[in-house]
Amino acid sequence: MWQQEYPFDAKFESLALRFRWLIEAAHKKTGRQVVVLIDEYDKPLLYLLETGKPDDEQQLQENREFLKDFFSVFKATDEHLRFVLLTGVTKFSQFTMFSGFNQHDDISIDTRYEALCGITEEELHTVFAEGIREIAEAYGMTEQQTKEELKACMTAITSAPV
């Protein structure tokens, strides 16, 4: 679809260069900076870590390098970008593949974005109420203790180095 909207010469050496070209072309054509949304940016690495064998280190390294090249496009195209939003389950700033970013804000535990990035306090008491009750019963805890444990686990996960 984007190739039809923004035709290009297929002589790019990598997907990263093709992505860079697309961002620049979209900005030039529309006059508006580009918004990039990437869901589960960490999925390729996590999949390998979860399912791979110990000898998959080479594949893991290849994935890291590919992603590092891909994400370095954001630094190279900064003037063409309005913003970039990445979602994932691992701590954003801990991956060296993001060293190419000029600037970034981790909004994962910022209360202004809690509805976007996670579970709000209200959802904890409404949407997840039944599940929390079941967990509390299964572990012999009160619902309040269970909520506190869940919050503590999420804080540990979001602040743990990767």
C-alpha atoms as a PDB file:
ATOM      1  CA  MET A   1       0.000   0.000   0.000  1.00  0.00           C
ATOM      2  CA  TRP A   2       2.648   2.570   1.002  1.00  0.00           C
ATOM      3  CA  GLN A   3       4.761   1.563  -1.965  1.00  0.00           C
ATOM      4  CA  GLN A   4       1.926   2.625  -4.267  1.00  0.00           C
ATOM      5  CA  GLU A   5       1.429   5.908  -2.416  1.00  0.00           C
ATOM      6  CA  TYR A   6       5.164   6.645  -2.286  1.00  0.00           C
ATOM      7  CA  PRO A   7       6.806   4.818  -5.222  1.00  0.00           C
ATOM      8  CA  PHE A   8      10.514   4.149  -4.784  1.00  0.00           C
ATOM      9  CA  ASP A   9      13.458   2.545  -6.463  1.00  0.00           C
ATOM     10  CA  ALA A  10      13.935  -0.937  -4.959  1.00  0.00           C
ATOM     11  CA  LYS A  11      17.728  -0.603  -4.707  1.00  0.00           C
ATOM     12  CA  PHE A  12      17.823  -0.153  -0.942  1.00  0.00           C
ATOM     13  CA  GLU A  13      20.521  -2.131   0.845  1.00  0.00           C
ATOM     14  CA  SER A  14      18.372  -2.774   3.897  1.00  0.00           C
ATOM     15  CA  LEU A  15      14.879  -2.476   5.303  1.00  0.00           C
ATOM     16  CA  ALA A  16      16.171   0.299   7.576  1.00  0.00           C
ATOM     17  CA  LEU A  17      17.163   2.426   4.576  1.00  0.00           C
ATOM     18  CA  ARG A  18      13.821   1.721   2.950  1.00  0.00           C
ATOM     19  CA  PHE A  19      12.030   2.783   6.157  1.00  0.00           C
ATOM     20  CA  ARG A  20      14.136   5.961   6.322  1.00  0.00           C
ATOM     21  CA  TRP A  21      13.258   6.798   2.744  1.00  0.00           C
ATOM     22  CA  LEU A  22       9.550   6.237   3.420  1.00  0.00           C
ATOM     23  CA  ILE A  23       9.542   8.611   6.412  1.00  0.00           C
ATOM     24  CA  GLU A  24      11.328  11.315   4.442  1.00  0.00           C
ATOM     25  CA  ALA A  25       9.111  10.830   1.372  1.00  0.00           C
ATOM     26  CA  ALA A  26       5.894  11.004   3.413  1.00  0.00           C
ATOM     27  CA  HIS A  27       7.017  14.254   5.065  1.00  0.00           C
ATOM     28  CA  LYS A  28       8.072  15.813   1.769  1.00  0.00           C
ATOM     29  CA  LYS A  29       4.878  14.790  -0.021  1.00  0.00           C
ATOM     30  CA  THR A  30       2.434  15.887   2.693  1.00  0.00           C
ATOM     31  CA  GLY A  31       4.369  18.708   4.335  1.00  0.00           C
ATOM     32  CA  ARG A  32       3.489  17.157   7.682  1.00  0.00           C
ATOM     33  CA  GLN A  33       5.834  15.372  10.029  1.00  0.00           C
ATOM     34  CA  VAL A  34       5.354  11.622  10.346  1.00  0.00           C
ATOM     35  CA  VAL A  35       3.911   9.747  13.320  1.00  0.00           C
ATOM     36  CA  VAL A  36       5.281   6.225  13.777  1.00  0.00           C
ATOM     37  CA  LEU A  37       3.438   3.667  15.909  1.00  0.00           C
ATOM     38  CA  ILE A  38       5.145   0.333  16.637  1.00  0.00           C
ATOM     39  CA  ASP A  39       3.349  -2.239  18.748  1.00  0.00           C
ATOM     40  CA  GLU A  40       5.385  -4.864  20.634  1.00  0.00           C
ATOM     41  CA  TYR A  41       8.776  -3.552  19.509  1.00  0.00           C
ATOM     42  CA  ASP A  42      10.485  -6.161  21.684  1.00  0.00           C
ATOM     43  CA  LYS A  43       8.570  -9.209  20.384  1.00  0.00           C
ATOM     44  CA  PRO A  44      11.341 -10.584  18.102  1.00  0.00           C
ATOM     45  CA  LEU A  45      13.890 -10.618  20.925  1.00  0.00           C
ATOM     46  CA  LEU A  46      11.495 -11.897  23.561  1.00  0.00           C
ATOM     47  CA  TYR A  47      10.325 -14.700  21.283  1.00  0.00           C
ATOM     48  CA  LEU A  48      13.891 -15.874  20.798  1.00  0.00           C
ATOM     49  CA  LEU A  49      14.668 -15.594  24.506  1.00  0.00           C
ATOM     50  CA  GLU A  50      11.547 -17.572  25.416  1.00  0.00           C
ATOM     51  CA  THR A  51      11.711 -20.289  22.770  1.00  0.00           C
ATOM     52  CA  GLY A  52      15.332 -20.368  21.682  1.00  0.00           C
ATOM     53  CA  LYS A  53      18.030 -22.826  22.535  1.00  0.00           C
ATOM     54  CA  PRO A  54      21.315 -21.855  24.207  1.00  0.00           C
ATOM     55  CA  ASP A  55      23.052 -22.021  20.822  1.00  0.00           C
ATOM     56  CA  ASP A  56      20.675 -19.396  19.389  1.00  0.00           C
ATOM     57  CA  GLU A  57      23.003 -16.605  20.566  1.00  0.00           C
ATOM     58  CA  GLN A  58      23.951 -15.872  16.963  1.00  0.00           C
ATOM     59  CA  GLN A  59      20.300 -15.469  15.970  1.00  0.00           C
ATOM     60  CA  LEU A  60      19.695 -13.291  19.015  1.00  0.00           C
ATOM     61  CA  GLN A  61      22.650 -11.088  18.065  1.00  0.00           C
ATOM     62  CA  GLU A  62      21.423 -10.858  14.454  1.00  0.00           C
ATOM     63  CA  ASN A  63      17.980  -9.781  15.700  1.00  0.00           C
ATOM     64  CA  ARG A  64      19.558  -7.174  17.983  1.00  0.00           C
ATOM     65  CA  GLU A  65      21.620  -5.761  15.126  1.00  0.00           C
ATOM     66  CA  PHE A  66      18.630  -5.693  12.775  1.00  0.00           C
ATOM     67  CA  LEU A  67      16.521  -3.864  15.349  1.00  0.00           C
ATOM     68  CA  LYS A  68      19.357  -1.481  16.201  1.00  0.00           C
ATOM     69  CA  ASP A  69      19.695  -0.573  12.500  1.00  0.00           C
ATOM     70  CA  PHE A  70      15.929  -0.228  12.192  1.00  0.00           C
ATOM     71  CA  PHE A  71      15.545   2.003  15.247  1.00  0.00           C
ATOM     72  CA  SER A  72      18.561   4.135  14.314  1.00  0.00           C
ATOM     73  CA  VAL A  73      16.361   5.455  11.497  1.00  0.00           C
ATOM     74  CA  PHE A  74      14.587   7.639  14.054  1.00  0.00           C
ATOM     75  CA  LYS A  75      17.749   9.603  14.802  1.00  0.00           C
ATOM     76  CA  ALA A  76      18.504  10.019  11.124  1.00  0.00           C
ATOM     77  CA  THR A  77      14.971  11.221  10.355  1.00  0.00           C
ATOM     78  CA  ASP A  78      14.362  13.348  13.443  1.00  0.00           C
ATOM     79  CA  GLU A  79      13.396  16.459  11.446  1.00  0.00           C
ATOM     80  CA  HIS A  80      10.722  14.440   9.615  1.00  0.00           C
ATOM     81  CA  LEU A  81       9.115  12.964  12.749  1.00  0.00           C
ATOM     82  CA  ARG A  82       6.287  14.398  14.852  1.00  0.00           C
ATOM     83  CA  PHE A  83       6.590  11.566  17.365  1.00  0.00           C
ATOM     84  CA  VAL A  84       7.244   7.850  17.686  1.00  0.00           C
ATOM     85  CA  LEU A  85       5.260   5.611  20.033  1.00  0.00           C
ATOM     86  CA  LEU A  86       6.615   2.166  20.860  1.00  0.00           C
ATOM     87  CA  THR A  87       4.817  -0.411  22.955  1.00  0.00           C
ATOM     88  CA  GLY A  88       6.354  -3.475  24.534  1.00  0.00           C
ATOM     89  CA  VAL A  89       6.777  -5.262  27.818  1.00  0.00           C
ATOM     90  CA  THR A  90      10.466  -4.662  28.433  1.00  0.00           C
ATOM     91  CA  LYS A  91      12.090  -1.513  29.752  1.00  0.00           C
ATOM     92  CA  PHE A  92      12.657   0.796  26.780  1.00  0.00           C
ATOM     93  CA  SER A  93      15.867   2.532  27.780  1.00  0.00           C
ATOM     94  CA  GLN A  94      17.706  -0.626  28.778  1.00  0.00           C
ATOM     95  CA  PHE A  95      18.165  -1.920  25.230  1.00  0.00           C
ATOM     96  CA  THR A  96      21.358  -0.759  23.534  1.00  0.00           C
ATOM     97  CA  MET A  97      19.546  -0.901  20.218  1.00  0.00           C
ATOM     98  CA  PHE A  98      17.935   2.416  21.166  1.00  0.00           C
ATOM     99  CA  SER A  99      21.240   4.225  21.587  1.00  0.00           C
ATOM    100  CA  GLY A 100      20.553   5.940  18.261  1.00  0.00           C
ATOM    101  CA  PHE A 101      17.561   7.861  19.587  1.00  0.00           C
ATOM    102  CA  ASN A 102      18.160  11.589  20.032  1.00  0.00           C
ATOM    103  CA  GLN A 103      15.653  11.929  22.808  1.00  0.00           C
ATOM    104  CA  HIS A 104      13.005   9.775  24.346  1.00  0.00           C
ATOM    105  CA  ASP A 105      10.565   9.831  27.211  1.00  0.00           C
ATOM    106  CA  ASP A 106       9.549   6.660  28.995  1.00  0.00           C
ATOM    107  CA  ILE A 107       5.844   7.167  29.720  1.00  0.00           C
ATOM    108  CA  SER A 108       5.192   3.620  30.916  1.00  0.00           C
ATOM    109  CA  ILE A 109       4.644   4.585  34.557  1.00  0.00           C
ATOM    110  CA  ASP A 110       3.695   8.228  34.106  1.00  0.00           C
ATOM    111  CA  THR A 111       0.210   8.646  35.615  1.00  0.00           C
ATOM    112  CA  ARG A 112      -0.808  11.015  32.805  1.00  0.00           C
ATOM    113  CA  TYR A 113      -0.608   8.063  30.403  1.00  0.00           C
ATOM    114  CA  GLU A 114      -1.795   5.209  32.609  1.00  0.00           C
ATOM    115  CA  ALA A 115      -4.872   4.548  30.500  1.00  0.00           C
ATOM    116  CA  LEU A 116      -2.688   4.259  27.406  1.00  0.00           C
ATOM    117  CA  CYS A 117       0.204   2.280  28.868  1.00  0.00           C
ATOM    118  CA  GLY A 118      -1.291  -0.052  31.387  1.00  0.00           C
ATOM    119  CA  ILE A 119      -4.030  -0.661  33.872  1.00  0.00           C
ATOM    120  CA  THR A 120      -5.688   2.264  35.601  1.00  0.00           C
ATOM    121  CA  GLU A 121      -6.643   2.144  39.257  1.00  0.00           C
ATOM    122  CA  GLU A 122     -10.291   2.151  38.204  1.00  0.00           C
ATOM    123  CA  GLU A 123      -9.758  -0.847  35.891  1.00  0.00           C
ATOM    124  CA  LEU A 124      -8.025  -2.686  38.699  1.00  0.00           C
ATOM    125  CA  HIS A 125     -11.201  -2.333  40.796  1.00  0.00           C
ATOM    126  CA  THR A 126     -13.705  -2.981  38.001  1.00  0.00           C
ATOM    127  CA  VAL A 127     -12.480  -4.907  34.957  1.00  0.00           C
ATOM    128  CA  PHE A 128     -10.088  -7.105  36.916  1.00  0.00           C
ATOM    129  CA  ALA A 129     -12.131  -7.435  40.128  1.00  0.00           C
ATOM    130  CA  GLU A 130     -13.254 -11.034  39.535  1.00  0.00           C
ATOM    131  CA  GLY A 131      -9.789 -12.224  38.547  1.00  0.00           C
ATOM    132  CA  ILE A 132      -8.250 -10.544  41.577  1.00  0.00           C
ATOM    133  CA  ARG A 133     -10.822 -12.215  43.837  1.00  0.00           C
ATOM    134  CA  GLU A 134      -9.933 -15.606  42.347  1.00  0.00           C
ATOM    135  CA  ILE A 135      -6.204 -15.019  42.785  1.00  0.00           C
ATOM    136  CA  ALA A 136      -6.728 -13.831  46.363  1.00  0.00           C
ATOM    137  CA  GLU A 137      -8.719 -16.963  47.220  1.00  0.00           C
ATOM    138  CA  ALA A 138      -6.220 -19.266  45.528  1.00  0.00           C
ATOM    139  CA  TYR A 139      -3.310 -17.798  47.520  1.00  0.00           C
ATOM    140  CA  GLY A 140      -5.109 -17.191  50.817  1.00  0.00           C
ATOM    141  CA  MET A 141      -4.775 -13.431  50.580  1.00  0.00           C
ATOM    142  CA  THR A 142      -7.180 -10.541  50.842  1.00  0.00           C
ATOM    143  CA  GLU A 143      -8.151  -8.679  47.682  1.00  0.00           C
ATOM    144  CA  GLN A 144      -6.222  -5.634  48.918  1.00  0.00           C
ATOM    145  CA  GLN A 145      -3.078  -7.710  49.528  1.00  0.00           C
ATOM    146  CA  THR A 146      -3.411  -9.198  46.046  1.00  0.00           C
ATOM    147  CA  LYS A 147      -3.716  -5.729  44.459  1.00  0.00           C
ATOM    148  CA  GLU A 148      -0.653  -4.541  46.365  1.00  0.00           C
ATOM    149  CA  GLU A 149       1.314  -7.614  45.225  1.00  0.00           C
ATOM    150  CA  LEU A 150       0.265  -7.055  41.618  1.00  0.00           C
ATOM    151  CA  LYS A 151       1.319  -3.417  41.788  1.00  0.00           C
ATOM    152  CA  ALA A 152       4.659  -4.373  43.341  1.00  0.00           C
ATOM    153  CA  CYS A 153       5.263  -6.953  40.597  1.00  0.00           C
ATOM    154  CA  MET A 154       4.483  -4.438  37.860  1.00  0.00           C
ATOM    155  CA  THR A 155       6.810  -1.879  39.418  1.00  0.00           C
ATOM    156  CA  ALA A 156       9.581  -4.479  39.597  1.00  0.00           C
ATOM    157  CA  ILE A 157       9.026  -5.495  35.978  1.00  0.00           C
ATOM    158  CA  THR A 158       9.013  -1.959  34.595  1.00  0.00           C
ATOM    159  CA  SER A 159      12.141  -0.923  36.479  1.00  0.00           C
ATOM    160  CA  ALA A 160      14.219  -4.095  36.058  1.00  0.00           C
ATOM    161  CA  PRO A 161      17.211  -3.868  33.705  1.00  0.00           C
ATOM    162  CA  VAL A 162      17.020  -6.031  30.603  1.00  0.00           C
END
